[in-house]
């Protein structure tokens, strides 16, 4: 069980990393993450590392105990709203894997 939770945690971290990178590249036109996007990514990665509900949760947006501050929650929602539809074009296997893992629950 522990191994599957860590695998899920790693997959979530990869998904958010790619979403933030895509958002920043398309909106801030830099070759690397800008300071703001790097801050959002680091914040999100810490939240994923410390999530108590990783074993049973589906999407963070469905969690009854949000661990994101209101400001960061809005920033992540904006990034996901932009990157989500584009991820299928840029990282199709990652998206399919992410969605299938959610259906297993």
PDB file of N, CA and C in Angstrom:
ATOM      1  N   UNK A   1       0.836  -1.197   0.000  1.00  0.00           N
ATOM      2  CA  UNK A   1       0.000   0.000   0.000  1.00  0.00           C
ATOM      3  C   UNK A   1       0.874   1.252   0.000  1.00  0.00           C
ATOM      4  N   UNK A   2       1.902   1.267   0.810  1.00  0.00           N
ATOM      5  CA  UNK A   2       2.791   2.428   0.930  1.00  0.00           C
ATOM      6  C   UNK A   2       3.425   2.772  -0.410  1.00  0.00           C
ATOM      7  N   UNK A   3       3.818   1.729  -1.149  1.00  0.00           N
ATOM      8  CA  UNK A   3       4.468   1.945  -2.439  1.00  0.00           C
ATOM      9  C   UNK A   3       3.499   2.590  -3.432  1.00  0.00           C
ATOM     10  N   UNK A   4       2.245   2.159  -3.435  1.00  0.00           N
ATOM     11  CA  UNK A   4       1.271   2.733  -4.364  1.00  0.00           C
ATOM     12  C   UNK A   4       0.965   4.189  -4.016  1.00  0.00           C
ATOM     13  N   UNK A   5       0.993   4.540  -2.736  1.00  0.00           N
ATOM     14  CA  UNK A   5       0.760   5.926  -2.326  1.00  0.00           C
ATOM     15  C   UNK A   5       1.907   6.801  -2.818  1.00  0.00           C
ATOM     16  N   UNK A   6       3.127   6.321  -2.673  1.00  0.00           N
ATOM     17  CA  UNK A   6       4.288   7.090  -3.145  1.00  0.00           C
ATOM     18  C   UNK A   6       4.277   7.224  -4.667  1.00  0.00           C
ATOM     19  N   UNK A   7       3.846   6.191  -5.345  1.00  0.00           N
ATOM     20  CA  UNK A   7       3.733   6.244  -6.806  1.00  0.00           C
ATOM     21  C   UNK A   7       2.699   7.295  -7.212  1.00  0.00           C
ATOM     22  N   UNK A   8       1.575   7.323  -6.503  1.00  0.00           N
ATOM     23  CA  UNK A   8       0.528   8.309  -6.770  1.00  0.00           C
ATOM     24  C   UNK A   8       1.031   9.722  -6.480  1.00  0.00           C
ATOM     25  N   UNK A   9       1.761   9.854  -5.391  1.00  0.00           N
ATOM     26  CA  UNK A   9       2.319  11.149  -5.007  1.00  0.00           C
ATOM     27  C   UNK A   9       3.290  11.637  -6.097  1.00  0.00           C
ATOM     28  N   UNK A  10       4.148  10.756  -6.571  1.00  0.00           N
ATOM     29  CA  UNK A  10       5.108  11.108  -7.629  1.00  0.00           C
ATOM     30  C   UNK A  10       4.398  11.512  -8.924  1.00  0.00           C
ATOM     31  N   UNK A  11       3.327  10.808  -9.262  1.00  0.00           N
ATOM     32  CA  UNK A  11       2.569  11.124 -10.478  1.00  0.00           C
ATOM     33  C   UNK A  11       1.914  12.504 -10.347  1.00  0.00           C
ATOM     34  N   UNK A  12       1.340  12.789  -9.188  1.00  0.00           N
ATOM     35  CA  UNK A  12       0.714  14.100  -8.977  1.00  0.00           C
ATOM     36  C   UNK A  12       1.741  15.218  -9.082  1.00  0.00           C
ATOM     37  N   UNK A  13       2.923  14.971  -8.539  1.00  0.00           N
ATOM     38  CA  UNK A  13       3.985  15.973  -8.618  1.00  0.00           C
ATOM     39  C   UNK A  13       4.421  16.195 -10.062  1.00  0.00           C
ATOM     40  N   UNK A  14       4.488  15.143 -10.833  1.00  0.00           N
ATOM     41  CA  UNK A  14       4.864  15.272 -12.238  1.00  0.00           C
ATOM     42  C   UNK A  14       3.797  16.046 -13.013  1.00  0.00           C
ATOM     43  N   UNK A  15       2.534  15.752 -12.740  1.00  0.00           N
ATOM     44  CA  UNK A  15       1.435  16.442 -13.427  1.00  0.00           C
ATOM     45  C   UNK A  15       1.460  17.940 -13.126  1.00  0.00           C
ATOM     46  N   UNK A  16       1.548  18.313 -11.857  1.00  0.00           N
ATOM     47  CA  UNK A  16       1.531  19.744 -11.525  1.00  0.00           C
ATOM     48  C   UNK A  16       2.773  20.434 -12.070  1.00  0.00           C
ATOM     49  N   UNK A  17       3.895  19.755 -12.061  1.00  0.00           N
ATOM     50  CA  UNK A  17       5.121  20.342 -12.604  1.00  0.00           C
ATOM     51  C   UNK A  17       4.955  20.656 -14.077  1.00  0.00           C
ATOM     52  N   UNK A  18       4.430  19.716 -14.836  1.00  0.00           N
ATOM     53  CA  UNK A  18       4.256  19.930 -16.278  1.00  0.00           C
ATOM     54  C   UNK A  18       3.203  20.997 -16.552  1.00  0.00           C
ATOM     55  N   UNK A  19       2.161  21.060 -15.736  1.00  0.00           N
ATOM     56  CA  UNK A  19       1.129  22.082 -15.924  1.00  0.00           C
ATOM     57  C   UNK A  19       1.679  23.479 -15.675  1.00  0.00           C
ATOM     58  N   UNK A  20       2.463  23.624 -14.626  1.00  0.00           N
ATOM     59  CA  UNK A  20       3.042  24.938 -14.310  1.00  0.00           C
ATOM     60  C   UNK A  20       4.046  25.333 -15.387  1.00  0.00           C
ATOM     61  N   UNK A  21       4.880  24.392 -15.824  1.00  0.00           N
ATOM     62  CA  UNK A  21       5.854  24.694 -16.870  1.00  0.00           C
ATOM     63  C   UNK A  21       5.156  25.134 -18.160  1.00  0.00           C
ATOM     64  N   UNK A  22       4.093  24.445 -18.536  1.00  0.00           N
ATOM     65  CA  UNK A  22       3.342  24.787 -19.745  1.00  0.00           C
ATOM     66  C   UNK A  22       2.713  26.177 -19.605  1.00  0.00           C
ATOM     67  N   UNK A  23       2.082  26.434 -18.481  1.00  0.00           N
ATOM     68  CA  UNK A  23       1.454  27.731 -18.231  1.00  0.00           C
ATOM     69  C   UNK A  23       2.481  28.859 -18.327  1.00  0.00           C
ATOM     70  N   UNK A  24       3.599  28.688 -17.660  1.00  0.00           N
ATOM     71  CA  UNK A  24       4.617  29.740 -17.621  1.00  0.00           C
ATOM     72  C   UNK A  24       5.211  29.968 -19.013  1.00  0.00           C
ATOM     73  N   UNK A  25       5.509  28.889 -19.704  1.00  0.00           N
ATOM     74  CA  UNK A  25       6.096  29.003 -21.044  1.00  0.00           C
ATOM     75  C   UNK A  25       5.164  29.752 -21.992  1.00  0.00           C
ATOM     76  N   UNK A  26       3.874  29.467 -21.927  1.00  0.00           N
ATOM     77  CA  UNK A  26       2.907  30.072 -22.844  1.00  0.00           C
ATOM     78  C   UNK A  26       2.484  31.480 -22.425  1.00  0.00           C
ATOM     79  N   UNK A  27       2.528  31.780 -21.136  1.00  0.00           N
ATOM     80  CA  UNK A  27       2.047  33.080 -20.660  1.00  0.00           C
ATOM     81  C   UNK A  27       3.146  34.070 -20.301  1.00  0.00           C
ATOM     82  N   UNK A  28       4.287  33.576 -19.903  1.00  0.00           N
ATOM     83  CA  UNK A  28       5.356  34.466 -19.472  1.00  0.00           C
ATOM     84  C   UNK A  28       6.543  34.460 -20.432  1.00  0.00           C
ATOM     85  N   UNK A  29       6.468  33.614 -21.439  1.00  0.00           N
ATOM     86  CA  UNK A  29       7.418  33.592 -22.564  1.00  0.00           C
ATOM     87  C   UNK A  29       8.889  33.534 -22.142  1.00  0.00           C
ATOM     88  N   UNK A  30       9.174  32.728 -21.135  1.00  0.00           N
ATOM     89  CA  UNK A  30      10.557  32.562 -20.701  1.00  0.00           C
ATOM     90  C   UNK A  30      10.978  31.119 -20.928  1.00  0.00           C
ATOM     91  N   UNK A  31      12.277  30.905 -21.033  1.00  0.00           N
ATOM     92  CA  UNK A  31      12.794  29.559 -21.227  1.00  0.00           C
ATOM     93  C   UNK A  31      12.748  28.720 -19.962  1.00  0.00           C
ATOM     94  N   UNK A  32      12.671  29.389 -18.822  1.00  0.00           N
ATOM     95  CA  UNK A  32      12.600  28.690 -17.544  1.00  0.00           C
ATOM     96  C   UNK A  32      11.475  29.305 -16.730  1.00  0.00           C
ATOM     97  N   UNK A  33      11.149  28.670 -15.627  1.00  0.00           N
ATOM     98  CA  UNK A  33      10.058  29.180 -14.798  1.00  0.00           C
ATOM     99  C   UNK A  33      10.390  30.556 -14.230  1.00  0.00           C
ATOM    100  N   UNK A  34       9.416  31.447 -14.288  1.00  0.00           N
ATOM    101  CA  UNK A  34       9.571  32.752 -13.650  1.00  0.00           C
ATOM    102  C   UNK A  34       9.466  32.553 -12.131  1.00  0.00           C
ATOM    103  N   UNK A  35       9.793  33.571 -11.384  1.00  0.00           N
ATOM    104  CA  UNK A  35       9.783  33.465  -9.917  1.00  0.00           C
ATOM    105  C   UNK A  35       8.400  33.137  -9.373  1.00  0.00           C
ATOM    106  N   UNK A  36       7.372  33.769  -9.939  1.00  0.00           N
ATOM    107  CA  UNK A  36       6.013  33.518  -9.441  1.00  0.00           C
ATOM    108  C   UNK A  36       5.599  32.068  -9.684  1.00  0.00           C
ATOM    109  N   UNK A  37       5.831  31.575 -10.891  1.00  0.00           N
ATOM    110  CA  UNK A  37       5.443  30.200 -11.209  1.00  0.00           C
ATOM    111  C   UNK A  37       6.276  29.194 -10.415  1.00  0.00           C
ATOM    112  N   UNK A  38       7.549  29.489 -10.211  1.00  0.00           N
ATOM    113  CA  UNK A  38       8.401  28.616  -9.398  1.00  0.00           C
ATOM    114  C   UNK A  38       7.872  28.567  -7.966  1.00  0.00           C
ATOM    115  N   UNK A  39       7.407  29.704  -7.469  1.00  0.00           N
ATOM    116  CA  UNK A  39       6.835  29.752  -6.126  1.00  0.00           C
ATOM    117  C   UNK A  39       5.562  28.920  -6.011  1.00  0.00           C
ATOM    118  N   UNK A  40       4.701  29.020  -7.009  1.00  0.00           N
ATOM    119  CA  UNK A  40       3.463  28.226  -7.015  1.00  0.00           C
ATOM    120  C   UNK A  40       3.801  26.741  -7.083  1.00  0.00           C
ATOM    121  N   UNK A  41       4.753  26.383  -7.933  1.00  0.00           N
ATOM    122  CA  UNK A  41       5.133  24.978  -8.070  1.00  0.00           C
ATOM    123  C   UNK A  41       5.716  24.449  -6.763  1.00  0.00           C
ATOM    124  N   UNK A  42       6.644  25.168  -6.164  1.00  0.00           N
ATOM    125  CA  UNK A  42       7.248  24.721  -4.907  1.00  0.00           C
ATOM    126  C   UNK A  42       6.205  24.564  -3.813  1.00  0.00           C
ATOM    127  N   UNK A  43       5.267  25.498  -3.747  1.00  0.00           N
ATOM    128  CA  UNK A  43       4.176  25.441  -2.773  1.00  0.00           C
ATOM    129  C   UNK A  43       3.338  24.175  -2.997  1.00  0.00           C
ATOM    130  N   UNK A  44       2.993  23.919  -4.262  1.00  0.00           N
ATOM    131  CA  UNK A  44       2.177  22.750  -4.592  1.00  0.00           C
ATOM    132  C   UNK A  44       2.905  21.446  -4.285  1.00  0.00           C
ATOM    133  N   UNK A  45       4.176  21.389  -4.596  1.00  0.00           N
ATOM    134  CA  UNK A  45       4.953  20.178  -4.329  1.00  0.00           C
ATOM    135  C   UNK A  45       5.031  19.888  -2.836  1.00  0.00           C
ATOM    136  N   UNK A  46       5.158  20.926  -2.029  1.00  0.00           N
ATOM    137  CA  UNK A  46       5.170  20.733  -0.573  1.00  0.00           C
ATOM    138  C   UNK A  46       3.828  20.209  -0.088  1.00  0.00           C
ATOM    139  N   UNK A  47       2.760  20.744  -0.655  1.00  0.00           N
ATOM    140  CA  UNK A  47       1.424  20.287  -0.260  1.00  0.00           C
ATOM    141  C   UNK A  47       1.236  18.814  -0.634  1.00  0.00           C
ATOM    142  N   UNK A  48       1.698  18.425  -1.798  1.00  0.00           N
ATOM    143  CA  UNK A  48       1.589  17.023  -2.223  1.00  0.00           C
ATOM    144  C   UNK A  48       2.428  16.136  -1.304  1.00  0.00           C
ATOM    145  N   UNK A  49       3.632  16.570  -0.982  1.00  0.00           N
ATOM    146  CA  UNK A  49       4.504  15.792  -0.090  1.00  0.00           C
ATOM    147  C   UNK A  49       3.868  15.563   1.275  1.00  0.00           C
ATOM    148  N   UNK A  50       3.088  16.538   1.751  1.00  0.00           N
ATOM    149  CA  UNK A  50       2.525  16.458   3.097  1.00  0.00           C
ATOM    150  C   UNK A  50       1.053  16.070   3.141  1.00  0.00           C
ATOM    151  N   UNK A  51       0.491  15.661   2.013  1.00  0.00           N
ATOM    152  CA  UNK A  51      -0.945  15.334   1.962  1.00  0.00           C
ATOM    153  C   UNK A  51      -1.251  14.078   2.780  1.00  0.00           C
ATOM    154  N   UNK A  52      -2.134  14.229   3.756  1.00  0.00           N
ATOM    155  CA  UNK A  52      -2.551  13.113   4.608  1.00  0.00           C
ATOM    156  C   UNK A  52      -3.564  12.209   3.916  1.00  0.00           C
ATOM    157  N   UNK A  53      -4.171  12.722   2.855  1.00  0.00           N
ATOM    158  CA  UNK A  53      -5.270  12.007   2.214  1.00  0.00           C
ATOM    159  C   UNK A  53      -4.871  11.380   0.877  1.00  0.00           C
ATOM    160  N   UNK A  54      -3.593  11.328   0.590  1.00  0.00           N
ATOM    161  CA  UNK A  54      -3.123  10.851  -0.714  1.00  0.00           C
ATOM    162  C   UNK A  54      -3.662   9.459  -1.054  1.00  0.00           C
ATOM    163  N   UNK A  55      -3.762   8.618  -0.066  1.00  0.00           N
ATOM    164  CA  UNK A  55      -4.200   7.246  -0.312  1.00  0.00           C
ATOM    165  C   UNK A  55      -5.638   7.169  -0.819  1.00  0.00           C
ATOM    166  N   UNK A  56      -6.494   8.056  -0.356  1.00  0.00           N
ATOM    167  CA  UNK A  56      -7.915   7.953  -0.673  1.00  0.00           C
ATOM    168  C   UNK A  56      -8.466   9.067  -1.542  1.00  0.00           C
ATOM    169  N   UNK A  57      -7.722  10.149  -1.708  1.00  0.00           N
ATOM    170  CA  UNK A  57      -8.287  11.288  -2.442  1.00  0.00           C
ATOM    171  C   UNK A  57      -8.268  11.064  -3.948  1.00  0.00           C
ATOM    172  N   UNK A  58      -9.088  11.820  -4.626  1.00  0.00           N
ATOM    173  CA  UNK A  58      -9.061  11.834  -6.086  1.00  0.00           C
ATOM    174  C   UNK A  58      -8.348  13.118  -6.476  1.00  0.00           C
ATOM    175  N   UNK A  59      -9.063  14.147  -6.850  1.00  0.00           N
ATOM    176  CA  UNK A  59      -8.450  15.428  -7.187  1.00  0.00           C
ATOM    177  C   UNK A  59      -8.439  16.329  -5.962  1.00  0.00           C
ATOM    178  N   UNK A  60      -7.442  17.197  -5.881  1.00  0.00           N
ATOM    179  CA  UNK A  60      -7.358  18.137  -4.752  1.00  0.00           C
ATOM    180  C   UNK A  60      -8.609  19.000  -4.670  1.00  0.00           C
ATOM    181  N   UNK A  61      -9.171  19.331  -5.813  1.00  0.00           N
ATOM    182  CA  UNK A  61     -10.359  20.185  -5.821  1.00  0.00           C
ATOM    183  C   UNK A  61     -11.555  19.508  -5.154  1.00  0.00           C
ATOM    184  N   UNK A  62     -11.523  18.183  -5.022  1.00  0.00           N
ATOM    185  CA  UNK A  62     -12.613  17.450  -4.378  1.00  0.00           C
ATOM    186  C   UNK A  62     -12.362  17.217  -2.893  1.00  0.00           C
ATOM    187  N   UNK A  63     -11.200  17.614  -2.417  1.00  0.00           N
ATOM    188  CA  UNK A  63     -10.835  17.372  -1.021  1.00  0.00           C
ATOM    189  C   UNK A  63     -11.651  18.284  -0.106  1.00  0.00           C
ATOM    190  N   UNK A  64     -12.179  17.704   0.953  1.00  0.00           N
ATOM    191  CA  UNK A  64     -12.989  18.485   1.893  1.00  0.00           C
ATOM    192  C   UNK A  64     -12.112  19.325   2.828  1.00  0.00           C
ATOM    193  N   UNK A  65     -10.825  19.020   2.864  1.00  0.00           N
ATOM    194  CA  UNK A  65      -9.911  19.727   3.758  1.00  0.00           C
ATOM    195  C   UNK A  65      -8.809  20.376   2.926  1.00  0.00           C
ATOM    196  N   UNK A  66      -9.114  21.469   2.270  1.00  0.00           N
ATOM    197  CA  UNK A  66      -8.148  22.128   1.399  1.00  0.00           C
ATOM    198  C   UNK A  66      -6.951  22.624   2.193  1.00  0.00           C
ATOM    199  N   UNK A  67      -5.763  22.278   1.732  1.00  0.00           N
ATOM    200  CA  UNK A  67      -4.544  22.698   2.437  1.00  0.00           C
ATOM    201  C   UNK A  67      -3.879  23.891   1.742  1.00  0.00           C
ATOM    202  N   UNK A  68      -4.480  24.377   0.673  1.00  0.00           N
ATOM    203  CA  UNK A  68      -3.947  25.532  -0.045  1.00  0.00           C
ATOM    204  C   UNK A  68      -4.507  26.812   0.554  1.00  0.00           C
ATOM    205  N   UNK A  69      -3.672  27.834   0.646  1.00  0.00           N
ATOM    206  CA  UNK A  69      -4.164  29.142   1.079  1.00  0.00           C
ATOM    207  C   UNK A  69      -5.103  29.657  -0.017  1.00  0.00           C
ATOM    208  N   UNK A  70      -6.023  30.526   0.307  1.00  0.00           N
ATOM    209  CA  UNK A  70      -6.941  31.037  -0.719  1.00  0.00           C
ATOM    210  C   UNK A  70      -6.203  31.658  -1.920  1.00  0.00           C
ATOM    211  N   UNK A  71      -5.128  32.390  -1.663  1.00  0.00           N
ATOM    212  CA  UNK A  71      -4.370  33.018  -2.753  1.00  0.00           C
ATOM    213  C   UNK A  71      -3.729  31.965  -3.665  1.00  0.00           C
ATOM    214  N   UNK A  72      -3.102  30.966  -3.076  1.00  0.00           N
ATOM    215  CA  UNK A  72      -2.453  29.924  -3.878  1.00  0.00           C
ATOM    216  C   UNK A  72      -3.485  29.043  -4.584  1.00  0.00           C
ATOM    217  N   UNK A  73      -4.592  28.836  -3.937  1.00  0.00           N
ATOM    218  CA  UNK A  73      -5.662  28.045  -4.544  1.00  0.00           C
ATOM    219  C   UNK A  73      -6.127  28.708  -5.843  1.00  0.00           C
ATOM    220  N   UNK A  74      -6.290  30.014  -5.827  1.00  0.00           N
ATOM    221  CA  UNK A  74      -6.701  30.749  -7.028  1.00  0.00           C
ATOM    222  C   UNK A  74      -5.631  30.685  -8.119  1.00  0.00           C
ATOM    223  N   UNK A  75      -4.381  30.803  -7.728  1.00  0.00           N
ATOM    224  CA  UNK A  75      -3.294  30.728  -8.709  1.00  0.00           C
ATOM    225  C   UNK A  75      -3.242  29.345  -9.361  1.00  0.00           C
ATOM    226  N   UNK A  76      -3.375  28.307  -8.564  1.00  0.00           N
ATOM    227  CA  UNK A  76      -3.327  26.943  -9.099  1.00  0.00           C
ATOM    228  C   UNK A  76      -4.538  26.681  -9.989  1.00  0.00           C
ATOM    229  N   UNK A  77      -5.707  27.170  -9.591  1.00  0.00           N
ATOM    230  CA  UNK A  77      -6.903  27.004 -10.422  1.00  0.00           C
ATOM    231  C   UNK A  77      -6.709  27.662 -11.785  1.00  0.00           C
ATOM    232  N   UNK A  78      -6.121  28.852 -11.782  1.00  0.00           N
ATOM    233  CA  UNK A  78      -5.863  29.565 -13.032  1.00  0.00           C
ATOM    234  C   UNK A  78      -4.901  28.773 -13.920  1.00  0.00           C
ATOM    235  N   UNK A  79      -3.856  28.246 -13.319  1.00  0.00           N
ATOM    236  CA  UNK A  79      -2.880  27.441 -14.066  1.00  0.00           C
ATOM    237  C   UNK A  79      -3.543  26.188 -14.625  1.00  0.00           C
ATOM    238  N   UNK A  80      -4.329  25.508 -13.812  1.00  0.00           N
ATOM    239  CA  UNK A  80      -4.972  24.274 -14.259  1.00  0.00           C
ATOM    240  C   UNK A  80      -6.019  24.538 -15.332  1.00  0.00           C
ATOM    241  N   UNK A  81      -6.737  25.629 -15.190  1.00  0.00           N
ATOM    242  CA  UNK A  81      -7.749  25.979 -16.194  1.00  0.00           C
ATOM    243  C   UNK A  81      -7.095  26.215 -17.552  1.00  0.00           C
ATOM    244  N   UNK A  82      -5.935  26.855 -17.546  1.00  0.00           N
ATOM    245  CA  UNK A  82      -5.210  27.112 -18.785  1.00  0.00           C
ATOM    246  C   UNK A  82      -4.539  25.841 -19.301  1.00  0.00           C
ATOM    247  N   UNK A  83      -3.807  25.166 -18.440  1.00  0.00           N
ATOM    248  CA  UNK A  83      -2.972  24.043 -18.872  1.00  0.00           C
ATOM    249  C   UNK A  83      -3.743  22.750 -19.089  1.00  0.00           C
ATOM    250  N   UNK A  84      -4.789  22.539 -18.323  1.00  0.00           N
ATOM    251  CA  UNK A  84      -5.527  21.281 -18.405  1.00  0.00           C
ATOM    252  C   UNK A  84      -5.879  20.859 -19.819  1.00  0.00           C
ATOM    253  N   UNK A  85      -6.596  21.690 -20.564  1.00  0.00           N
ATOM    254  CA  UNK A  85      -6.965  21.296 -21.933  1.00  0.00           C
ATOM    255  C   UNK A  85      -5.750  21.123 -22.858  1.00  0.00           C
ATOM    256  N   UNK A  86      -4.695  21.850 -22.601  1.00  0.00           N
ATOM    257  CA  UNK A  86      -3.503  21.788 -23.455  1.00  0.00           C
ATOM    258  C   UNK A  86      -2.603  20.592 -23.130  1.00  0.00           C
ATOM    259  N   UNK A  87      -2.749  20.055 -21.939  1.00  0.00           N
ATOM    260  CA  UNK A  87      -1.909  18.929 -21.518  1.00  0.00           C
ATOM    261  C   UNK A  87      -2.107  17.719 -22.419  1.00  0.00           C
ATOM    262  N   UNK A  88      -3.306  17.538 -22.922  1.00  0.00           N
ATOM    263  CA  UNK A  88      -3.568  16.392 -23.789  1.00  0.00           C
ATOM    264  C   UNK A  88      -2.725  16.456 -25.059  1.00  0.00           C
ATOM    265  N   UNK A  89      -2.446  17.657 -25.535  1.00  0.00           N
ATOM    266  CA  UNK A  89      -1.594  17.821 -26.719  1.00  0.00           C
ATOM    267  C   UNK A  89      -0.112  17.703 -26.389  1.00  0.00           C
ATOM    268  N   UNK A  90       0.284  18.217 -25.237  1.00  0.00           N
ATOM    269  CA  UNK A  90       1.700  18.276 -24.877  1.00  0.00           C
ATOM    270  C   UNK A  90       2.196  17.049 -24.126  1.00  0.00           C
ATOM    271  N   UNK A  91       1.331  16.431 -23.335  1.00  0.00           N
ATOM    272  CA  UNK A  91       1.706  15.275 -22.514  1.00  0.00           C
ATOM    273  C   UNK A  91       0.560  14.263 -22.468  1.00  0.00           C
ATOM    274  N   UNK A  92       0.179  13.705 -23.616  1.00  0.00           N
ATOM    275  CA  UNK A  92      -1.003  12.833 -23.653  1.00  0.00           C
ATOM    276  C   UNK A  92      -0.901  11.597 -22.749  1.00  0.00           C
ATOM    277  N   UNK A  93       0.243  10.957 -22.691  1.00  0.00           N
ATOM    278  CA  UNK A  93       0.366   9.753 -21.867  1.00  0.00           C
ATOM    279  C   UNK A  93       0.250  10.080 -20.380  1.00  0.00           C
ATOM    280  N   UNK A  94       0.790  11.198 -19.986  1.00  0.00           N
ATOM    281  CA  UNK A  94       0.687  11.626 -18.597  1.00  0.00           C
ATOM    282  C   UNK A  94      -0.766  11.904 -18.223  1.00  0.00           C
ATOM    283  N   UNK A  95      -1.490  12.552 -19.105  1.00  0.00           N
ATOM    284  CA  UNK A  95      -2.900  12.859 -18.853  1.00  0.00           C
ATOM    285  C   UNK A  95      -3.722  11.576 -18.759  1.00  0.00           C
ATOM    286  N   UNK A  96      -3.517  10.683 -19.697  1.00  0.00           N
ATOM    287  CA  UNK A  96      -4.270   9.424 -19.702  1.00  0.00           C
ATOM    288  C   UNK A  96      -3.972   8.627 -18.437  1.00  0.00           C
ATOM    289  N   UNK A  97      -2.704   8.545 -18.068  1.00  0.00           N
ATOM    290  CA  UNK A  97      -2.311   7.835 -16.853  1.00  0.00           C
ATOM    291  C   UNK A  97      -2.944   8.472 -15.619  1.00  0.00           C
ATOM    292  N   UNK A  98      -2.932   9.792 -15.571  1.00  0.00           N
ATOM    293  CA  UNK A  98      -3.516  10.518 -14.445  1.00  0.00           C
ATOM    294  C   UNK A  98      -5.019  10.252 -14.349  1.00  0.00           C
ATOM    295  N   UNK A  99      -5.689  10.310 -15.461  1.00  0.00           N
ATOM    296  CA  UNK A  99      -7.145  10.102 -15.463  1.00  0.00           C
ATOM    297  C   UNK A  99      -7.492   8.652 -15.111  1.00  0.00           C
ATOM    298  N   UNK A 100      -6.744   7.706 -15.626  1.00  0.00           N
ATOM    299  CA  UNK A 100      -7.009   6.295 -15.306  1.00  0.00           C
ATOM    300  C   UNK A 100      -6.796   5.999 -13.828  1.00  0.00           C
ATOM    301  N   UNK A 101      -5.804   6.625 -13.243  1.00  0.00           N
ATOM    302  CA  UNK A 101      -5.561   6.400 -11.815  1.00  0.00           C
ATOM    303  C   UNK A 101      -6.738   6.896 -10.980  1.00  0.00           C
ATOM    304  N   UNK A 102      -7.410   7.922 -11.441  1.00  0.00           N
ATOM    305  CA  UNK A 102      -8.559   8.466 -10.717  1.00  0.00           C
ATOM    306  C   UNK A 102      -9.783   7.559 -10.849  1.00  0.00           C
ATOM    307  N   UNK A 103      -9.876   6.850 -11.970  1.00  0.00           N
ATOM    308  CA  UNK A 103     -11.015   5.953 -12.186  1.00  0.00           C
ATOM    309  C   UNK A 103     -10.916   4.695 -11.334  1.00  0.00           C
ATOM    310  N   UNK A 104      -9.720   4.345 -10.907  1.00  0.00           N
ATOM    311  CA  UNK A 104      -9.522   3.144 -10.120  1.00  0.00           C
ATOM    312  C   UNK A 104     -10.106   3.266  -8.723  1.00  0.00           C
ATOM    313  N   UNK A 105     -10.301   4.474  -8.255  1.00  0.00           N
ATOM    314  CA  UNK A 105     -10.814   4.674  -6.890  1.00  0.00           C
ATOM    315  C   UNK A 105     -12.303   4.496  -6.830  1.00  0.00           C
TER     316      UNK A 105
END
